[in-house]
C-alpha atoms as a PDB file:
ATOM      1  CA  UNK A   1      16.155 -32.696 -12.639  1.00  0.00           C
ATOM      2  CA  UNK A   2      15.464 -31.134  -8.902  1.00  0.00           C
ATOM      3  CA  UNK A   3      11.776 -30.478  -8.692  1.00  0.00           C
ATOM      4  CA  UNK A   4      11.422 -26.095  -7.372  1.00  0.00           C
ATOM      5  CA  UNK A   5       9.433 -25.765  -4.580  1.00  0.00           C
ATOM      6  CA  UNK A   6       7.618 -22.425  -4.325  1.00  0.00           C
ATOM      7  CA  UNK A   7       5.992 -20.752  -1.556  1.00  0.00           C
ATOM      8  CA  UNK A   8       2.719 -20.115  -2.900  1.00  0.00           C
ATOM      9  CA  UNK A   9       2.474 -16.889  -0.892  1.00  0.00           C
ATOM     10  CA  UNK A  10       5.048 -15.661  -3.120  1.00  0.00           C
ATOM     11  CA  UNK A  11       2.598 -14.136  -5.944  1.00  0.00           C
ATOM     12  CA  UNK A  12       5.418 -11.993  -7.867  1.00  0.00           C
ATOM     13  CA  UNK A  13       6.859 -15.418  -8.191  1.00  0.00           C
ATOM     14  CA  UNK A  14       3.951 -17.085  -9.241  1.00  0.00           C
ATOM     15  CA  UNK A  15       3.659 -14.323 -12.313  1.00  0.00           C
ATOM     16  CA  UNK A  16       7.212 -14.489 -13.126  1.00  0.00           C
ATOM     17  CA  UNK A  17       5.644 -15.385 -16.992  1.00  0.00           C
ATOM     18  CA  UNK A  18       2.715 -13.657 -16.655  1.00  0.00           C
ATOM     19  CA  UNK A  19       2.033 -10.442 -18.811  1.00  0.00           C
ATOM     20  CA  UNK A  20       2.837  -6.595 -17.684  1.00  0.00           C
ATOM     21  CA  UNK A  21      -0.443  -6.419 -15.702  1.00  0.00           C
ATOM     22  CA  UNK A  22      -0.357  -9.806 -14.366  1.00  0.00           C
ATOM     23  CA  UNK A  23       3.509  -8.909 -12.917  1.00  0.00           C
ATOM     24  CA  UNK A  24       2.971  -5.394 -11.454  1.00  0.00           C
ATOM     25  CA  UNK A  25      -0.427  -7.072  -9.791  1.00  0.00           C
ATOM     26  CA  UNK A  26       0.976  -9.680  -8.280  1.00  0.00           C
ATOM     27  CA  UNK A  27       3.885  -7.362  -7.138  1.00  0.00           C
ATOM     28  CA  UNK A  28       1.911  -4.478  -5.451  1.00  0.00           C
ATOM     29  CA  UNK A  29      -0.766  -7.166  -3.958  1.00  0.00           C
ATOM     30  CA  UNK A  30       2.804  -8.761  -2.728  1.00  0.00           C
ATOM     31  CA  UNK A  31       3.512  -5.580  -0.996  1.00  0.00           C
ATOM     32  CA  UNK A  32       0.518  -4.649   0.136  1.00  0.00           C
ATOM     33  CA  UNK A  33      -0.363  -8.043   1.803  1.00  0.00           C
ATOM     34  CA  UNK A  34       3.470  -7.663   3.687  1.00  0.00           C
ATOM     35  CA  UNK A  35       2.400  -4.229   5.291  1.00  0.00           C
ATOM     36  CA  UNK A  36      -0.916  -5.613   6.487  1.00  0.00           C
ATOM     37  CA  UNK A  37       1.446  -8.937   8.210  1.00  0.00           C
ATOM     38  CA  UNK A  38       3.564  -6.014   9.405  1.00  0.00           C
ATOM     39  CA  UNK A  39       0.250  -4.282  11.272  1.00  0.00           C
ATOM     40  CA  UNK A  40      -1.644  -7.895  12.346  1.00  0.00           C
ATOM     41  CA  UNK A  41      -0.467  -9.378  15.501  1.00  0.00           C
ATOM     42  CA  UNK A  42       0.325  -6.263  17.027  1.00  0.00           C
ATOM     43  CA  UNK A  43      -1.995  -4.849  19.936  1.00  0.00           C
ATOM     44  CA  UNK A  44      -2.862  -1.465  19.266  1.00  0.00           C
ATOM     45  CA  UNK A  45      -0.361  -0.102  21.671  1.00  0.00           C
ATOM     46  CA  UNK A  46       2.451  -1.725  19.785  1.00  0.00           C
ATOM     47  CA  UNK A  47       1.222  -0.782  16.505  1.00  0.00           C
ATOM     48  CA  UNK A  48       0.717   3.030  17.643  1.00  0.00           C
ATOM     49  CA  UNK A  49       4.296   3.190  19.586  1.00  0.00           C
ATOM     50  CA  UNK A  50       6.489   5.952  18.392  1.00  0.00           C
ATOM     51  CA  UNK A  51      10.114   3.947  17.683  1.00  0.00           C
ATOM     52  CA  UNK A  52      11.947   6.370  15.661  1.00  0.00           C
ATOM     53  CA  UNK A  53      12.650   9.993  15.670  1.00  0.00           C
ATOM     54  CA  UNK A  54       9.978  11.067  13.059  1.00  0.00           C
ATOM     55  CA  UNK A  55       5.851  10.017  14.406  1.00  0.00           C
ATOM     56  CA  UNK A  56       5.948   7.049  12.193  1.00  0.00           C
ATOM     57  CA  UNK A  57       4.432   4.275  13.255  1.00  0.00           C
ATOM     58  CA  UNK A  58       3.233   0.640  11.864  1.00  0.00           C
ATOM     59  CA  UNK A  59      -0.224   2.112  12.526  1.00  0.00           C
ATOM     60  CA  UNK A  60       0.330   5.331  10.900  1.00  0.00           C
ATOM     61  CA  UNK A  61       2.512   3.523   7.832  1.00  0.00           C
ATOM     62  CA  UNK A  62      -1.224   1.962   6.980  1.00  0.00           C
ATOM     63  CA  UNK A  63      -3.072   4.931   7.381  1.00  0.00           C
ATOM     64  CA  UNK A  64      -1.197   6.580   5.171  1.00  0.00           C
ATOM     65  CA  UNK A  65      -0.977   4.320   2.717  1.00  0.00           C
ATOM     66  CA  UNK A  66      -4.926   4.010   2.866  1.00  0.00           C
ATOM     67  CA  UNK A  67      -5.041   7.360   1.691  1.00  0.00           C
ATOM     68  CA  UNK A  68      -2.557   7.043  -0.686  1.00  0.00           C
ATOM     69  CA  UNK A  69      -4.364   3.886  -2.036  1.00  0.00           C
ATOM     70  CA  UNK A  70      -7.553   6.251  -2.529  1.00  0.00           C
ATOM     71  CA  UNK A  71      -5.692   9.330  -3.926  1.00  0.00           C
ATOM     72  CA  UNK A  72      -3.602   7.081  -6.975  1.00  0.00           C
ATOM     73  CA  UNK A  73      -6.437   5.182  -8.139  1.00  0.00           C
ATOM     74  CA  UNK A  74     -10.092   6.010  -7.634  1.00  0.00           C
ATOM     75  CA  UNK A  75      -9.634   9.717  -6.501  1.00  0.00           C
ATOM     76  CA  UNK A  76      -7.138  10.482  -9.985  1.00  0.00           C
ATOM     77  CA  UNK A  77      -8.656   7.229 -12.508  1.00  0.00           C
ATOM     78  CA  UNK A  78     -12.188   7.748 -12.158  1.00  0.00           C
ATOM     79  CA  UNK A  79     -13.044  10.173  -9.170  1.00  0.00           C
ATOM     80  CA  UNK A  80     -16.541   9.808  -8.116  1.00  0.00           C
ATOM     81  CA  UNK A  81     -18.469  12.371  -6.207  1.00  0.00           C
ATOM     82  CA  UNK A  82     -16.660  13.972  -3.073  1.00  0.00           C
ATOM     83  CA  UNK A  83     -13.467  12.364  -4.355  1.00  0.00           C
ATOM     84  CA  UNK A  84     -10.645  14.872  -4.119  1.00  0.00           C
ATOM     85  CA  UNK A  85      -7.198  14.704  -4.870  1.00  0.00           C
ATOM     86  CA  UNK A  86      -4.504  15.197  -2.203  1.00  0.00           C
ATOM     87  CA  UNK A  87      -1.389  17.114  -3.676  1.00  0.00           C
ATOM     88  CA  UNK A  88      -0.070  18.749  -0.408  1.00  0.00           C
ATOM     89  CA  UNK A  89       2.641  18.233   1.455  1.00  0.00           C
ATOM     90  CA  UNK A  90       0.542  18.723   4.796  1.00  0.00           C
ATOM     91  CA  UNK A  91      -2.340  16.257   3.451  1.00  0.00           C
ATOM     92  CA  UNK A  92       0.475  13.527   3.515  1.00  0.00           C
ATOM     93  CA  UNK A  93       1.600  14.494   6.391  1.00  0.00           C
ATOM     94  CA  UNK A  94      -1.351  14.390   8.391  1.00  0.00           C
ATOM     95  CA  UNK A  95      -2.038  11.466   6.454  1.00  0.00           C
ATOM     96  CA  UNK A  96       0.318   9.384   9.005  1.00  0.00           C
ATOM     97  CA  UNK A  97      -1.701  10.797  11.985  1.00  0.00           C
ATOM     98  CA  UNK A  98      -4.234   8.655  14.123  1.00  0.00           C
ATOM     99  CA  UNK A  99      -7.563   8.857  15.661  1.00  0.00           C
ATOM    100  CA  UNK A 100      -8.349   7.971  18.880  1.00  0.00           C
ATOM    101  CA  UNK A 101     -10.522   5.083  17.475  1.00  0.00           C
ATOM    102  CA  UNK A 102      -8.200   3.549  14.868  1.00  0.00           C
ATOM    103  CA  UNK A 103      -7.108   0.663  15.798  1.00  0.00           C
ATOM    104  CA  UNK A 104      -5.370  -2.519  14.400  1.00  0.00           C
ATOM    105  CA  UNK A 105      -8.699  -4.030  13.040  1.00  0.00           C
ATOM    106  CA  UNK A 106      -9.895  -1.068  11.842  1.00  0.00           C
ATOM    107  CA  UNK A 107      -7.265  -0.073  10.268  1.00  0.00           C
ATOM    108  CA  UNK A 108      -6.156  -2.947   8.719  1.00  0.00           C
ATOM    109  CA  UNK A 109     -10.027  -3.174   7.720  1.00  0.00           C
ATOM    110  CA  UNK A 110      -9.947   0.078   6.019  1.00  0.00           C
ATOM    111  CA  UNK A 111      -6.736  -0.691   4.111  1.00  0.00           C
ATOM    112  CA  UNK A 112      -8.119  -3.858   2.316  1.00  0.00           C
ATOM    113  CA  UNK A 113     -11.478  -1.685   1.665  1.00  0.00           C
ATOM    114  CA  UNK A 114      -8.883   0.803  -0.442  1.00  0.00           C
ATOM    115  CA  UNK A 115      -7.030  -1.708  -1.618  1.00  0.00           C
ATOM    116  CA  UNK A 116     -10.088  -3.497  -3.031  1.00  0.00           C
ATOM    117  CA  UNK A 117     -11.212  -0.560  -4.572  1.00  0.00           C
ATOM    118  CA  UNK A 118      -8.765   0.616  -5.994  1.00  0.00           C
ATOM    119  CA  UNK A 119      -7.824  -2.947  -7.475  1.00  0.00           C
ATOM    120  CA  UNK A 120     -11.554  -2.463  -9.009  1.00  0.00           C
ATOM    121  CA  UNK A 121     -11.093   1.053 -10.226  1.00  0.00           C
ATOM    122  CA  UNK A 122      -7.692  -0.314 -12.101  1.00  0.00           C
ATOM    123  CA  UNK A 123      -9.699  -3.298 -13.544  1.00  0.00           C
ATOM    124  CA  UNK A 124     -11.434  -1.012 -15.472  1.00  0.00           C
ATOM    125  CA  UNK A 125      -8.424   0.600 -17.616  1.00  0.00           C
ATOM    126  CA  UNK A 126      -5.558  -0.619 -19.653  1.00  0.00           C
ATOM    127  CA  UNK A 127      -2.076   0.019 -18.835  1.00  0.00           C
ATOM    128  CA  UNK A 128      -1.949   2.674 -21.952  1.00  0.00           C
ATOM    129  CA  UNK A 129      -4.378   4.805 -20.285  1.00  0.00           C
ATOM    130  CA  UNK A 130      -3.434   8.429 -19.297  1.00  0.00           C
ATOM    131  CA  UNK A 131      -4.969  10.828 -16.833  1.00  0.00           C
ATOM    132  CA  UNK A 132      -4.472  14.236 -16.114  1.00  0.00           C
ATOM    133  CA  UNK A 133      -2.206  14.635 -12.702  1.00  0.00           C
ATOM    134  CA  UNK A 134      -1.922  18.042 -10.771  1.00  0.00           C
ATOM    135  CA  UNK A 135       1.263  18.125 -10.224  1.00  0.00           C
ATOM    136  CA  UNK A 136       2.883  15.611 -13.333  1.00  0.00           C
ATOM    137  CA  UNK A 137       1.030  16.317 -16.436  1.00  0.00           C
ATOM    138  CA  UNK A 138      -0.278  13.623 -17.461  1.00  0.00           C
ATOM    139  CA  UNK A 139       0.169   9.887 -15.977  1.00  0.00           C
ATOM    140  CA  UNK A 140      -0.669   6.153 -17.521  1.00  0.00           C
ATOM    141  CA  UNK A 141      -2.403   3.266 -15.404  1.00  0.00           C
ATOM    142  CA  UNK A 142       1.299   1.672 -16.350  1.00  0.00           C
ATOM    143  CA  UNK A 143       3.218   4.364 -14.143  1.00  0.00           C
ATOM    144  CA  UNK A 144       0.542   4.920 -11.059  1.00  0.00           C
ATOM    145  CA  UNK A 145       1.508   0.948 -10.656  1.00  0.00           C
ATOM    146  CA  UNK A 146       4.876   1.546 -10.671  1.00  0.00           C
ATOM    147  CA  UNK A 147       4.891   4.402  -8.692  1.00  0.00           C
ATOM    148  CA  UNK A 148       2.302   2.359  -5.968  1.00  0.00           C
ATOM    149  CA  UNK A 149       4.834  -0.761  -6.003  1.00  0.00           C
ATOM    150  CA  UNK A 150       7.496   1.821  -5.096  1.00  0.00           C
ATOM    151  CA  UNK A 151       5.777   3.445  -2.387  1.00  0.00           C
ATOM    152  CA  UNK A 152       3.806   0.395  -1.230  1.00  0.00           C
ATOM    153  CA  UNK A 153       7.508  -1.392  -0.631  1.00  0.00           C
ATOM    154  CA  UNK A 154       9.149   1.355   0.608  1.00  0.00           C
ATOM    155  CA  UNK A 155       6.578   1.756   3.447  1.00  0.00           C
ATOM    156  CA  UNK A 156       6.452  -1.868   4.159  1.00  0.00           C
ATOM    157  CA  UNK A 157      10.656  -1.892   4.986  1.00  0.00           C
ATOM    158  CA  UNK A 158      10.092   0.953   7.089  1.00  0.00           C
ATOM    159  CA  UNK A 159       6.879  -1.308   8.931  1.00  0.00           C
ATOM    160  CA  UNK A 160       9.465  -3.923   8.954  1.00  0.00           C
ATOM    161  CA  UNK A 161      11.748  -2.253  10.813  1.00  0.00           C
ATOM    162  CA  UNK A 162       9.278  -0.906  13.053  1.00  0.00           C
ATOM    163  CA  UNK A 163       8.176  -4.956  13.945  1.00  0.00           C
ATOM    164  CA  UNK A 164      11.565  -5.447  14.091  1.00  0.00           C
ATOM    165  CA  UNK A 165      11.860  -2.625  17.135  1.00  0.00           C
ATOM    166  CA  UNK A 166       9.049  -4.200  18.738  1.00  0.00           C
ATOM    167  CA  UNK A 167       9.016  -7.812  18.789  1.00  0.00           C
ATOM    168  CA  UNK A 168      11.646  -8.756  16.769  1.00  0.00           C
ATOM    169  CA  UNK A 169       9.880 -10.286  13.814  1.00  0.00           C
ATOM    170  CA  UNK A 170      11.580  -9.439  11.008  1.00  0.00           C
ATOM    171  CA  UNK A 171      10.814 -10.405   6.959  1.00  0.00           C
ATOM    172  CA  UNK A 172       7.908 -10.704   3.907  1.00  0.00           C
ATOM    173  CA  UNK A 173       6.769 -13.289   5.297  1.00  0.00           C
END
């Protein structure tokens, strides 16, 4: 029988026989890493460059996903003082806007911190843990993880297209 070689950077493949939590966490972390790979290696100017009719940029996508991480994990699951869940479409649109001091390095670091906070928050609860949601009624951690996989993967695809338009780089790895 032939030996199957698996790229160790493919967390979802490595978790293929894991329990539900391991699979969900692996897919979310994989897409988070793809987003960071699309950002890293770009100049600040290239990351902020508009290449499509909308205001979507690689840097803006990372800034938006940072807000989304904070919104869905700490703000919803375990809000602390000052944590406010954002439900407004204007908040979502504004989350793509870049400040003058936003750089590839600062955005990557902010996203990594948000993801680490999300992981730590989610780890405190089981998949069946349910919290109130201001628009949906109630949501479980399982639902939040699946939603975040979808949201992150969708934006990773956007970043892939923008990166290809910038320097020809394509693919998840």
